[in-house]
N, C-alpha and C. Protein backbone atom coordinates (compact mmCIF):
# COMPACT_ATOMS: atom_id res chain seq x y z
N UNK A 1 -8.47 3.68 -60.75
CA UNK A 1 -8.29 4.59 -61.84
C UNK A 1 -8.93 6.09 -61.65
N UNK A 2 -8.16 6.98 -61.89
CA UNK A 2 -8.64 8.46 -61.46
C UNK A 2 -9.05 9.01 -62.87
N UNK A 3 -10.27 9.71 -62.91
CA UNK A 3 -10.73 10.28 -64.14
C UNK A 3 -10.20 11.61 -64.42
N UNK A 4 -9.74 12.35 -63.44
CA UNK A 4 -9.10 13.65 -63.35
C UNK A 4 -7.85 13.70 -62.52
N UNK A 5 -6.72 14.17 -63.05
CA UNK A 5 -5.52 14.17 -62.29
C UNK A 5 -5.52 15.16 -61.07
N UNK A 6 -6.43 16.16 -61.10
CA UNK A 6 -6.54 17.06 -60.08
C UNK A 6 -7.28 16.33 -58.85
N UNK A 7 -6.73 16.78 -57.61
CA UNK A 7 -7.30 16.11 -56.51
C UNK A 7 -8.76 16.63 -56.15
N UNK A 8 -9.31 17.77 -56.87
CA UNK A 8 -10.45 18.36 -56.60
C UNK A 8 -11.76 17.74 -57.45
N UNK A 9 -11.49 16.78 -58.24
CA UNK A 9 -12.43 16.11 -59.04
C UNK A 9 -12.62 14.67 -58.53
N UNK A 10 -13.85 14.21 -58.85
CA UNK A 10 -14.20 12.84 -58.57
C UNK A 10 -13.19 11.80 -58.93
N UNK A 11 -12.91 10.86 -58.07
CA UNK A 11 -12.06 9.69 -58.45
C UNK A 11 -12.93 8.70 -58.81
N UNK A 12 -12.75 7.68 -59.76
CA UNK A 12 -13.61 6.63 -60.21
C UNK A 12 -12.85 5.42 -60.12
N UNK A 13 -13.40 4.50 -59.49
CA UNK A 13 -12.62 3.10 -59.35
C UNK A 13 -13.71 2.13 -59.78
N UNK A 14 -13.23 1.26 -60.79
CA UNK A 14 -14.00 0.30 -61.37
C UNK A 14 -13.20 -0.91 -61.04
N UNK A 15 -13.71 -1.73 -60.18
CA UNK A 15 -12.91 -2.86 -59.55
C UNK A 15 -12.70 -3.90 -60.72
N UNK A 16 -13.71 -4.10 -61.39
CA UNK A 16 -13.62 -5.11 -62.53
C UNK A 16 -14.65 -4.86 -63.57
N UNK A 17 -14.37 -5.32 -64.86
CA UNK A 17 -15.37 -5.28 -65.99
C UNK A 17 -15.89 -6.56 -66.19
N UNK A 18 -17.08 -6.84 -65.60
CA UNK A 18 -17.70 -8.14 -65.51
C UNK A 18 -18.79 -8.41 -66.58
N UNK A 19 -19.08 -7.25 -67.30
CA UNK A 19 -20.08 -7.28 -68.24
C UNK A 19 -21.38 -7.09 -67.65
N UNK A 20 -21.69 -7.09 -66.45
CA UNK A 20 -22.85 -6.82 -65.83
C UNK A 20 -22.90 -5.16 -65.49
N UNK A 21 -24.08 -4.75 -65.29
CA UNK A 21 -24.15 -3.36 -64.77
C UNK A 21 -24.05 -3.22 -63.31
N UNK A 22 -22.92 -2.74 -62.80
CA UNK A 22 -22.67 -2.62 -61.47
C UNK A 22 -23.40 -1.30 -60.92
N UNK A 23 -23.69 -1.42 -59.62
CA UNK A 23 -24.30 -0.26 -59.04
C UNK A 23 -23.35 0.90 -58.92
N UNK A 24 -23.85 2.12 -59.08
CA UNK A 24 -22.89 3.33 -58.83
C UNK A 24 -23.01 3.66 -57.43
N UNK A 25 -21.78 3.77 -56.75
CA UNK A 25 -21.63 4.24 -55.52
C UNK A 25 -20.98 5.59 -55.36
N UNK A 26 -21.59 6.42 -54.83
CA UNK A 26 -21.01 7.77 -54.68
C UNK A 26 -20.49 7.96 -53.06
N UNK A 27 -19.16 7.98 -52.91
CA UNK A 27 -18.60 8.18 -51.62
C UNK A 27 -18.35 9.69 -51.55
N UNK A 28 -18.81 10.29 -50.46
CA UNK A 28 -18.60 11.65 -50.09
C UNK A 28 -17.70 11.59 -48.78
N UNK A 29 -16.45 11.79 -48.92
CA UNK A 29 -15.53 11.68 -47.78
C UNK A 29 -14.41 12.58 -47.89
N UNK A 30 -14.20 13.45 -46.93
CA UNK A 30 -13.18 14.41 -46.99
C UNK A 30 -11.68 13.83 -46.64
N UNK A 31 -11.62 12.83 -45.90
CA UNK A 31 -10.42 12.39 -45.48
C UNK A 31 -9.94 11.29 -46.41
N UNK A 32 -8.76 11.66 -47.19
CA UNK A 32 -8.01 10.91 -48.25
C UNK A 32 -7.71 9.46 -47.67
N UNK A 33 -7.22 9.37 -46.49
CA UNK A 33 -6.83 8.26 -45.81
C UNK A 33 -8.04 7.21 -45.73
N UNK A 34 -9.17 7.75 -45.32
CA UNK A 34 -10.42 6.97 -45.22
C UNK A 34 -10.81 6.46 -46.58
N UNK A 35 -10.67 7.30 -47.57
CA UNK A 35 -11.07 7.01 -49.03
C UNK A 35 -10.27 5.79 -49.44
N UNK A 36 -8.78 5.85 -49.10
CA UNK A 36 -7.91 4.78 -49.52
C UNK A 36 -8.46 3.61 -48.83
N UNK A 37 -8.72 3.60 -47.51
CA UNK A 37 -9.09 2.49 -46.74
C UNK A 37 -10.21 1.76 -47.25
N UNK A 38 -11.29 2.57 -47.52
CA UNK A 38 -12.56 2.09 -48.08
C UNK A 38 -12.36 1.47 -49.42
N UNK A 39 -11.57 1.97 -50.26
CA UNK A 39 -11.28 1.31 -51.54
C UNK A 39 -10.64 0.10 -51.40
N UNK A 40 -9.58 -0.03 -50.49
CA UNK A 40 -8.85 -1.26 -50.30
C UNK A 40 -9.76 -2.30 -49.75
N UNK A 41 -10.72 -2.05 -48.70
CA UNK A 41 -11.51 -2.87 -48.18
C UNK A 41 -12.51 -3.42 -49.33
N UNK A 42 -13.10 -2.54 -50.23
CA UNK A 42 -14.01 -3.04 -51.17
C UNK A 42 -13.33 -3.92 -52.13
N UNK A 43 -12.01 -3.70 -52.50
CA UNK A 43 -11.23 -4.51 -53.32
C UNK A 43 -11.05 -5.94 -52.65
N UNK A 44 -10.64 -5.87 -51.40
CA UNK A 44 -10.29 -7.16 -50.53
C UNK A 44 -11.52 -7.92 -50.53
N UNK A 45 -12.72 -7.26 -50.27
CA UNK A 45 -14.09 -8.05 -50.26
C UNK A 45 -14.64 -8.46 -51.48
N UNK A 46 -14.06 -8.00 -52.54
CA UNK A 46 -14.53 -8.41 -53.96
C UNK A 46 -15.72 -7.75 -54.23
N UNK A 47 -15.79 -6.47 -53.95
CA UNK A 47 -16.92 -5.80 -54.25
C UNK A 47 -16.79 -5.08 -55.55
N UNK A 48 -17.57 -5.52 -56.59
CA UNK A 48 -17.29 -5.19 -57.99
C UNK A 48 -18.25 -4.08 -58.53
N UNK A 49 -18.28 -3.01 -57.90
CA UNK A 49 -19.21 -1.89 -58.31
C UNK A 49 -18.45 -0.61 -58.51
N UNK A 50 -18.98 0.26 -59.29
CA UNK A 50 -18.38 1.49 -59.64
C UNK A 50 -18.38 2.47 -58.35
N UNK A 51 -17.22 2.95 -57.94
CA UNK A 51 -17.06 3.68 -56.72
C UNK A 51 -16.41 5.05 -57.23
N UNK A 52 -17.32 6.00 -56.97
CA UNK A 52 -16.98 7.46 -57.37
C UNK A 52 -16.74 8.13 -56.15
N UNK A 53 -15.67 8.94 -56.14
CA UNK A 53 -15.37 9.68 -54.80
C UNK A 53 -15.36 11.36 -55.01
N UNK A 54 -15.92 11.92 -54.19
CA UNK A 54 -15.77 13.36 -54.14
C UNK A 54 -15.46 13.83 -52.56
N UNK A 55 -14.78 14.79 -52.43
CA UNK A 55 -14.17 15.17 -51.20
C UNK A 55 -14.98 16.29 -50.45
N UNK A 56 -15.84 16.94 -50.82
CA UNK A 56 -16.55 17.87 -50.12
C UNK A 56 -18.03 18.17 -50.67
N UNK A 57 -18.83 18.88 -50.01
CA UNK A 57 -20.29 19.00 -50.20
C UNK A 57 -20.35 19.59 -51.57
N UNK A 58 -19.70 20.62 -51.98
CA UNK A 58 -19.70 21.26 -53.19
C UNK A 58 -19.60 20.38 -54.45
N UNK A 59 -18.58 19.54 -54.23
CA UNK A 59 -18.37 18.46 -55.36
C UNK A 59 -19.51 17.50 -55.37
N UNK A 60 -19.95 17.14 -54.23
CA UNK A 60 -20.93 16.14 -54.13
C UNK A 60 -22.24 16.75 -54.69
N UNK A 61 -22.60 17.80 -54.51
CA UNK A 61 -23.85 18.55 -55.11
C UNK A 61 -23.76 18.68 -56.66
N UNK A 62 -22.40 18.95 -57.06
CA UNK A 62 -22.21 19.11 -58.41
C UNK A 62 -22.30 17.60 -59.04
N UNK A 63 -21.84 16.71 -58.49
CA UNK A 63 -21.93 15.33 -58.99
C UNK A 63 -23.27 14.78 -59.01
N UNK A 64 -24.09 15.02 -58.11
CA UNK A 64 -25.50 14.64 -57.95
C UNK A 64 -26.32 15.34 -58.95
N UNK A 65 -26.06 16.53 -59.14
CA UNK A 65 -26.93 17.35 -60.04
C UNK A 65 -26.34 17.30 -61.55
N UNK A 66 -25.16 16.59 -61.76
CA UNK A 66 -24.53 16.46 -62.97
C UNK A 66 -24.13 17.80 -63.60
N UNK A 67 -23.52 18.58 -62.86
CA UNK A 67 -23.04 19.98 -63.37
C UNK A 67 -21.57 20.17 -63.23
N UNK A 68 -21.11 21.13 -64.10
CA UNK A 68 -19.71 21.57 -63.99
C UNK A 68 -18.87 20.37 -64.43
N UNK A 69 -17.72 19.94 -63.70
CA UNK A 69 -16.95 18.96 -63.86
C UNK A 69 -17.62 17.45 -64.03
N UNK A 70 -18.85 17.51 -63.48
CA UNK A 70 -19.51 16.17 -63.39
C UNK A 70 -20.78 16.09 -64.23
N UNK A 71 -20.73 17.01 -65.32
CA UNK A 71 -21.72 16.91 -66.27
C UNK A 71 -22.18 15.64 -66.88
N UNK A 72 -21.12 14.76 -66.96
CA UNK A 72 -21.20 13.22 -67.53
C UNK A 72 -21.34 12.35 -66.45
N UNK A 73 -21.16 12.67 -65.21
CA UNK A 73 -21.30 11.74 -64.22
C UNK A 73 -22.55 10.97 -64.16
N UNK A 74 -22.52 9.66 -63.81
CA UNK A 74 -23.65 8.82 -63.64
C UNK A 74 -24.45 9.21 -62.32
N UNK A 75 -25.78 8.80 -62.54
CA UNK A 75 -26.57 9.07 -61.33
C UNK A 75 -26.23 7.95 -60.27
N UNK A 76 -25.96 8.28 -59.02
CA UNK A 76 -25.66 7.29 -58.09
C UNK A 76 -26.88 6.44 -57.74
N UNK A 77 -26.53 5.18 -57.54
CA UNK A 77 -27.57 4.24 -57.03
C UNK A 77 -27.66 4.15 -55.49
N UNK A 78 -26.46 4.50 -54.95
CA UNK A 78 -26.37 4.70 -53.37
C UNK A 78 -25.27 5.65 -53.11
N UNK A 79 -25.47 6.36 -52.00
CA UNK A 79 -24.53 7.40 -51.54
C UNK A 79 -24.06 6.98 -50.13
N UNK A 80 -22.72 6.96 -50.02
CA UNK A 80 -22.03 6.85 -48.70
C UNK A 80 -21.66 8.24 -48.31
N UNK A 81 -22.04 8.79 -47.21
CA UNK A 81 -21.86 10.22 -46.90
C UNK A 81 -21.30 10.20 -45.43
N UNK A 82 -20.05 10.71 -45.49
CA UNK A 82 -19.46 11.04 -44.09
C UNK A 82 -20.26 11.94 -43.41
N UNK A 83 -20.78 11.75 -42.20
CA UNK A 83 -21.55 12.65 -41.44
C UNK A 83 -20.72 13.78 -40.79
N UNK A 84 -19.55 13.69 -40.99
CA UNK A 84 -18.56 14.75 -40.33
C UNK A 84 -17.69 15.38 -41.43
N UNK A 85 -18.49 15.90 -42.50
CA UNK A 85 -17.58 16.75 -43.48
C UNK A 85 -17.30 18.01 -42.75
N UNK A 86 -16.16 18.62 -43.12
CA UNK A 86 -15.60 19.86 -42.48
C UNK A 86 -16.70 20.87 -42.58
N UNK A 87 -17.09 21.57 -41.54
CA UNK A 87 -17.89 22.67 -41.43
C UNK A 87 -19.39 22.20 -41.40
N UNK A 88 -19.64 21.10 -41.01
CA UNK A 88 -20.94 20.55 -40.97
C UNK A 88 -21.74 20.46 -42.16
N UNK A 89 -20.97 20.39 -43.38
CA UNK A 89 -21.62 20.46 -44.58
C UNK A 89 -22.39 19.16 -44.91
N UNK A 90 -22.31 18.11 -44.21
CA UNK A 90 -23.06 16.91 -44.59
C UNK A 90 -24.49 17.25 -44.51
N UNK A 91 -24.94 18.18 -43.58
CA UNK A 91 -26.39 18.42 -43.62
C UNK A 91 -26.74 19.21 -44.83
N UNK A 92 -25.94 19.90 -45.50
CA UNK A 92 -26.33 20.68 -46.72
C UNK A 92 -26.75 19.60 -47.80
N UNK A 93 -25.76 18.44 -47.88
CA UNK A 93 -25.99 17.46 -48.80
C UNK A 93 -27.38 16.65 -48.60
N UNK A 94 -27.63 16.41 -47.30
CA UNK A 94 -28.74 15.71 -46.88
C UNK A 94 -29.99 16.66 -47.15
N UNK A 95 -30.06 17.84 -46.75
CA UNK A 95 -31.21 18.81 -46.97
C UNK A 95 -31.40 18.78 -48.42
N UNK A 96 -30.46 18.96 -49.34
CA UNK A 96 -30.75 19.02 -50.85
C UNK A 96 -31.17 17.74 -51.42
N UNK A 97 -30.89 16.59 -50.90
CA UNK A 97 -31.43 15.45 -51.24
C UNK A 97 -32.79 15.20 -50.66
N UNK A 98 -33.13 15.64 -49.61
CA UNK A 98 -34.30 15.66 -49.03
C UNK A 98 -35.48 16.51 -49.68
N UNK A 99 -34.93 17.63 -50.20
CA UNK A 99 -35.88 18.62 -50.64
C UNK A 99 -36.12 18.41 -52.18
N UNK A 100 -35.40 17.62 -52.81
CA UNK A 100 -35.68 17.55 -54.29
C UNK A 100 -36.15 15.98 -54.57
N UNK A 101 -37.37 15.80 -54.91
CA UNK A 101 -37.95 14.57 -55.24
C UNK A 101 -37.28 13.61 -56.09
N UNK A 102 -36.57 14.22 -57.12
CA UNK A 102 -35.86 13.34 -58.02
C UNK A 102 -34.71 12.38 -57.40
N UNK A 103 -34.48 12.74 -56.21
CA UNK A 103 -33.52 11.98 -55.48
C UNK A 103 -33.94 11.09 -54.42
N UNK A 104 -35.28 10.99 -54.23
CA UNK A 104 -35.81 10.23 -53.34
C UNK A 104 -35.49 8.71 -53.34
N UNK A 105 -35.29 8.15 -54.54
CA UNK A 105 -34.99 6.85 -54.83
C UNK A 105 -33.48 6.43 -54.37
N UNK A 106 -32.69 7.41 -54.26
CA UNK A 106 -31.25 7.20 -53.87
C UNK A 106 -31.05 7.04 -52.35
N UNK A 107 -30.81 5.91 -51.95
CA UNK A 107 -30.45 5.59 -50.63
C UNK A 107 -29.17 6.31 -50.19
N UNK A 108 -29.30 7.04 -48.96
CA UNK A 108 -28.11 7.68 -48.34
C UNK A 108 -27.71 6.98 -47.13
N UNK A 109 -26.39 6.45 -47.11
CA UNK A 109 -26.09 5.85 -46.03
C UNK A 109 -24.98 6.62 -45.23
N UNK A 110 -25.40 7.04 -44.00
CA UNK A 110 -24.38 8.03 -43.36
C UNK A 110 -23.39 7.13 -42.61
N UNK A 111 -22.23 7.59 -42.71
CA UNK A 111 -20.97 6.95 -42.03
C UNK A 111 -20.77 7.75 -40.84
N UNK A 112 -20.47 7.08 -39.81
CA UNK A 112 -20.29 7.73 -38.53
C UNK A 112 -19.29 7.04 -37.66
N UNK A 113 -18.53 7.78 -36.88
CA UNK A 113 -17.72 7.16 -36.03
C UNK A 113 -18.30 6.77 -34.63
N UNK A 114 -19.53 7.41 -34.34
CA UNK A 114 -20.02 7.10 -33.02
C UNK A 114 -21.66 7.29 -33.11
N UNK A 115 -22.31 6.87 -32.11
CA UNK A 115 -23.73 6.94 -32.07
C UNK A 115 -24.11 8.33 -31.79
N UNK A 116 -23.24 9.28 -31.25
CA UNK A 116 -23.57 10.47 -30.92
C UNK A 116 -23.72 11.45 -32.26
N UNK A 117 -22.92 11.01 -33.29
CA UNK A 117 -23.23 11.75 -34.52
C UNK A 117 -24.52 11.29 -35.23
N UNK A 118 -24.92 10.04 -34.94
CA UNK A 118 -26.21 9.62 -35.35
C UNK A 118 -27.30 10.44 -34.68
N UNK A 119 -27.15 10.51 -33.37
CA UNK A 119 -28.20 11.26 -32.65
C UNK A 119 -28.31 12.71 -33.04
N UNK A 120 -27.12 13.41 -33.26
CA UNK A 120 -27.13 14.76 -33.78
C UNK A 120 -27.86 14.91 -35.17
N UNK A 121 -27.47 14.09 -35.96
CA UNK A 121 -28.10 14.04 -37.37
C UNK A 121 -29.60 13.97 -37.22
N UNK A 122 -30.13 13.09 -36.37
CA UNK A 122 -31.48 12.87 -36.30
C UNK A 122 -32.04 14.04 -35.54
N UNK A 123 -31.52 14.56 -34.69
CA UNK A 123 -32.19 15.64 -33.91
C UNK A 123 -32.30 16.91 -34.77
N UNK A 124 -31.49 17.10 -35.70
CA UNK A 124 -31.59 18.28 -36.66
C UNK A 124 -32.45 17.93 -37.89
N UNK A 125 -33.04 16.73 -37.95
CA UNK A 125 -33.92 16.44 -38.99
C UNK A 125 -33.35 16.05 -40.29
N UNK A 126 -32.01 15.94 -40.23
CA UNK A 126 -31.30 15.30 -41.43
C UNK A 126 -30.82 13.93 -41.21
N UNK A 127 -31.74 13.11 -41.47
CA UNK A 127 -31.62 11.54 -41.07
C UNK A 127 -31.38 10.78 -42.41
N UNK A 128 -30.16 10.21 -42.61
CA UNK A 128 -29.89 9.42 -43.76
C UNK A 128 -30.67 8.15 -43.64
N UNK A 129 -30.95 7.38 -44.83
CA UNK A 129 -31.66 6.29 -44.94
C UNK A 129 -31.26 5.02 -43.88
N UNK A 130 -30.00 5.05 -43.69
CA UNK A 130 -29.26 4.15 -42.95
C UNK A 130 -27.88 4.60 -42.41
N UNK A 131 -27.32 3.93 -41.42
CA UNK A 131 -26.05 4.38 -40.79
C UNK A 131 -25.11 3.24 -40.77
N UNK A 132 -23.84 3.47 -41.00
CA UNK A 132 -22.86 2.40 -40.98
C UNK A 132 -21.72 3.07 -40.01
N UNK A 133 -21.00 2.33 -39.42
CA UNK A 133 -19.91 2.87 -38.61
C UNK A 133 -18.54 2.81 -39.23
N UNK A 134 -17.75 3.76 -39.06
CA UNK A 134 -16.41 3.69 -39.52
C UNK A 134 -15.53 3.09 -38.64
N UNK A 135 -14.36 2.49 -38.88
CA UNK A 135 -14.11 2.20 -40.32
C UNK A 135 -15.04 1.22 -41.00
N UNK A 136 -15.24 1.51 -42.27
CA UNK A 136 -16.23 0.82 -43.03
C UNK A 136 -15.92 -0.65 -43.10
N UNK A 137 -17.06 -1.47 -42.82
CA UNK A 137 -16.62 -3.01 -42.92
C UNK A 137 -17.46 -3.29 -44.26
N UNK A 138 -16.92 -3.84 -45.25
CA UNK A 138 -17.58 -4.10 -46.47
C UNK A 138 -18.86 -5.08 -46.26
N UNK A 139 -18.77 -6.10 -45.43
CA UNK A 139 -19.91 -7.02 -45.12
C UNK A 139 -21.02 -6.16 -44.61
N UNK A 140 -20.71 -5.27 -43.56
CA UNK A 140 -21.77 -4.51 -43.09
C UNK A 140 -22.42 -3.62 -44.14
N UNK A 141 -21.59 -3.06 -44.96
CA UNK A 141 -22.06 -2.17 -46.12
C UNK A 141 -23.01 -3.05 -47.02
N UNK A 142 -22.64 -4.15 -47.35
CA UNK A 142 -23.48 -5.09 -48.18
C UNK A 142 -24.70 -5.43 -47.43
N UNK A 143 -24.77 -5.65 -46.15
CA UNK A 143 -25.87 -5.94 -45.43
C UNK A 143 -26.88 -4.86 -45.33
N UNK A 144 -26.35 -3.69 -45.31
CA UNK A 144 -27.15 -2.26 -45.35
C UNK A 144 -27.72 -2.16 -46.72
N UNK A 145 -26.96 -2.38 -47.70
CA UNK A 145 -27.41 -2.14 -49.12
C UNK A 145 -28.57 -3.10 -49.42
N UNK A 146 -28.41 -4.32 -48.98
CA UNK A 146 -29.34 -5.34 -49.26
C UNK A 146 -30.78 -4.98 -48.62
N UNK A 147 -30.77 -4.19 -47.53
CA UNK A 147 -32.03 -3.72 -47.09
C UNK A 147 -32.85 -3.11 -48.02
N UNK A 148 -32.26 -2.39 -49.10
CA UNK A 148 -32.85 -1.66 -50.09
C UNK A 148 -33.03 -2.74 -51.25
N UNK A 149 -34.18 -3.51 -51.12
CA UNK A 149 -34.31 -4.69 -52.07
C UNK A 149 -34.05 -4.40 -53.44
N UNK A 150 -34.44 -3.27 -53.96
CA UNK A 150 -34.14 -3.04 -55.43
C UNK A 150 -32.77 -3.01 -55.96
N UNK A 151 -31.77 -2.64 -54.84
CA UNK A 151 -30.36 -2.61 -55.10
C UNK A 151 -29.75 -4.11 -55.03
N UNK A 152 -30.31 -4.86 -54.20
CA UNK A 152 -29.70 -6.27 -53.97
C UNK A 152 -29.34 -6.98 -55.26
N UNK A 153 -30.20 -7.02 -56.17
CA UNK A 153 -29.84 -7.95 -57.35
C UNK A 153 -28.73 -7.20 -58.20
N UNK A 154 -28.41 -5.94 -58.00
CA UNK A 154 -27.46 -5.13 -58.72
C UNK A 154 -26.19 -5.21 -58.20
N UNK A 155 -26.07 -5.70 -56.89
CA UNK A 155 -24.75 -5.77 -56.27
C UNK A 155 -23.93 -6.94 -57.10
N UNK A 156 -22.65 -6.47 -57.12
CA UNK A 156 -21.82 -7.38 -57.92
C UNK A 156 -20.62 -7.68 -57.12
N UNK A 157 -20.42 -8.96 -56.71
CA UNK A 157 -19.42 -9.35 -55.83
C UNK A 157 -18.71 -10.68 -56.35
N UNK A 158 -17.35 -10.69 -56.38
CA UNK A 158 -16.72 -11.94 -56.78
C UNK A 158 -17.21 -13.03 -55.87
N UNK A 159 -17.37 -14.31 -56.43
CA UNK A 159 -17.74 -15.46 -55.52
C UNK A 159 -16.34 -15.73 -54.77
N UNK A 160 -16.47 -16.33 -53.64
CA UNK A 160 -15.35 -16.52 -52.80
C UNK A 160 -14.36 -17.43 -53.45
N UNK A 161 -14.47 -18.20 -54.50
CA UNK A 161 -13.45 -18.85 -55.17
C UNK A 161 -12.68 -17.91 -56.06
N UNK A 162 -13.23 -16.81 -56.38
CA UNK A 162 -12.41 -15.67 -57.15
C UNK A 162 -11.75 -14.85 -56.30
N UNK A 163 -12.02 -14.69 -55.06
CA UNK A 163 -11.37 -13.70 -54.33
C UNK A 163 -9.91 -14.22 -53.97
N UNK A 164 -8.95 -13.19 -54.23
CA UNK A 164 -7.62 -13.37 -54.09
C UNK A 164 -7.10 -13.24 -52.61
């Protein structure tokens, strides 16, 4: 489901209405093909959480700060950030999150294609809380999220008998 027909606003996907409070996942990814793949993998893996998508750093910061088109956006419980946003803008998002204490509780998982990107991010002092390799593996994502103990009970996933 898309909340705004324009491609410049966040897309929101709710995989299922289970009655439980799902965690809110903010995906910051410029590549529409990667977004589609991540959504499909989440659905296939039975991950039943709210996935919101923004496509650049400006939208990400508006979403996080709940301003502009995102004034009614929920506060994310976890952020998936592509470390290769165009123009190196991933660092701007990480720097903003690091500088503002109200965002300290939101884990940021950096998505990378290689260990080189991880090394570059760390050397510049913009280190996400965790890393995950692309293409995103839903089981690896779940394992990483479970490392943040307060998030683990909030994860919603279909039982294997419900997975189609």
